[in-house]
Amino acid sequence: MEPQWAYDVRDQCQQMGIAFFMKQMTKKAPIPDDLLVREFPDLRRCLAD
């Protein structure tokens, strides 16, 4: 996977207020520090919708 793809998705999630969770890179390569984001959805918001 191209790291830029993950950066693009992360940025789009931030712009839209959507949680982003980066699990792993291709072939278990280390995740760059600025992509190591582990966010979860706000369940209160999900249940209210």
C-alpha atoms as a PDB file:
ATOM      1  CA  MET A   1       0.000   0.000   0.000  1.00  0.00           C
ATOM      2  CA  GLU A   2       1.224   3.456  -0.814  1.00  0.00           C
ATOM      3  CA  PRO A   3       1.516   5.482   2.412  1.00  0.00           C
ATOM      4  CA  GLN A   4       0.049   8.502   0.597  1.00  0.00           C
ATOM      5  CA  TRP A   5      -3.262   6.629   0.267  1.00  0.00           C
ATOM      6  CA  ALA A   6      -3.467   6.339   4.052  1.00  0.00           C
ATOM      7  CA  TYR A   7      -2.531  10.016   4.473  1.00  0.00           C
ATOM      8  CA  ASP A   8      -5.307  10.987   2.049  1.00  0.00           C
ATOM      9  CA  VAL A   9      -7.914   8.891   3.873  1.00  0.00           C
ATOM     10  CA  ARG A  10      -6.744  10.211   7.266  1.00  0.00           C
ATOM     11  CA  ASP A  11      -7.034  13.802   6.047  1.00  0.00           C
ATOM     12  CA  GLN A  12     -10.490  13.203   4.553  1.00  0.00           C
ATOM     13  CA  CYS A  13     -11.667  11.641   7.825  1.00  0.00           C
ATOM     14  CA  GLN A  14     -10.377  14.613   9.806  1.00  0.00           C
ATOM     15  CA  GLN A  15     -12.165  17.046   7.489  1.00  0.00           C
ATOM     16  CA  MET A  16     -15.468  15.183   7.899  1.00  0.00           C
ATOM     17  CA  GLY A  17     -15.167  14.442  11.636  1.00  0.00           C
ATOM     18  CA  ILE A  18     -14.958  10.670  11.078  1.00  0.00           C
ATOM     19  CA  ALA A  19     -12.810   8.432  13.288  1.00  0.00           C
ATOM     20  CA  PHE A  20      -9.689   6.996  11.625  1.00  0.00           C
ATOM     21  CA  PHE A  21      -7.883   3.845  12.768  1.00  0.00           C
ATOM     22  CA  MET A  22      -4.646   2.833  11.049  1.00  0.00           C
ATOM     23  CA  LYS A  23      -4.150  -0.885  11.635  1.00  0.00           C
ATOM     24  CA  GLN A  24      -1.107  -1.878   9.590  1.00  0.00           C
ATOM     25  CA  MET A  25       0.923  -1.211   6.490  1.00  0.00           C
ATOM     26  CA  THR A  26       1.653  -3.675   3.694  1.00  0.00           C
ATOM     27  CA  LYS A  27       3.717  -6.670   4.774  1.00  0.00           C
ATOM     28  CA  LYS A  28       3.540  -5.452   8.354  1.00  0.00           C
ATOM     29  CA  ALA A  29       5.928  -2.559   7.678  1.00  0.00           C
ATOM     30  CA  PRO A  30       6.121  -0.083  10.555  1.00  0.00           C
ATOM     31  CA  ILE A  31       3.457   2.604  10.520  1.00  0.00           C
ATOM     32  CA  PRO A  32       4.975   6.098  10.250  1.00  0.00           C
ATOM     33  CA  ASP A  33       4.536   8.046  13.500  1.00  0.00           C
ATOM     34  CA  ASP A  34       2.306  10.651  11.853  1.00  0.00           C
ATOM     35  CA  LEU A  35      -0.033   7.880  10.610  1.00  0.00           C
ATOM     36  CA  LEU A  36      -0.238   5.987  13.891  1.00  0.00           C
ATOM     37  CA  VAL A  37      -3.781   7.134  14.614  1.00  0.00           C
ATOM     38  CA  ARG A  38      -6.126   4.918  16.622  1.00  0.00           C
ATOM     39  CA  GLU A  39      -9.474   6.700  16.892  1.00  0.00           C
ATOM     40  CA  PHE A  40     -12.845   5.113  17.617  1.00  0.00           C
ATOM     41  CA  PRO A  41     -16.309   6.453  16.742  1.00  0.00           C
ATOM     42  CA  ASP A  42     -18.197   8.329  19.443  1.00  0.00           C
ATOM     43  CA  LEU A  43     -20.899   5.790  20.338  1.00  0.00           C
ATOM     44  CA  ARG A  44     -23.149   8.475  21.795  1.00  0.00           C
ATOM     45  CA  ARG A  45     -23.173  10.203  18.429  1.00  0.00           C
ATOM     46  CA  CYS A  46     -23.781   6.916  16.582  1.00  0.00           C
ATOM     47  CA  LEU A  47     -26.718   5.977  18.800  1.00  0.00           C
ATOM     48  CA  ALA A  48     -28.271   9.427  18.465  1.00  0.00           C
ATOM     49  CA  ASP A  49     -28.398   9.218  14.639  1.00  0.00           C
END
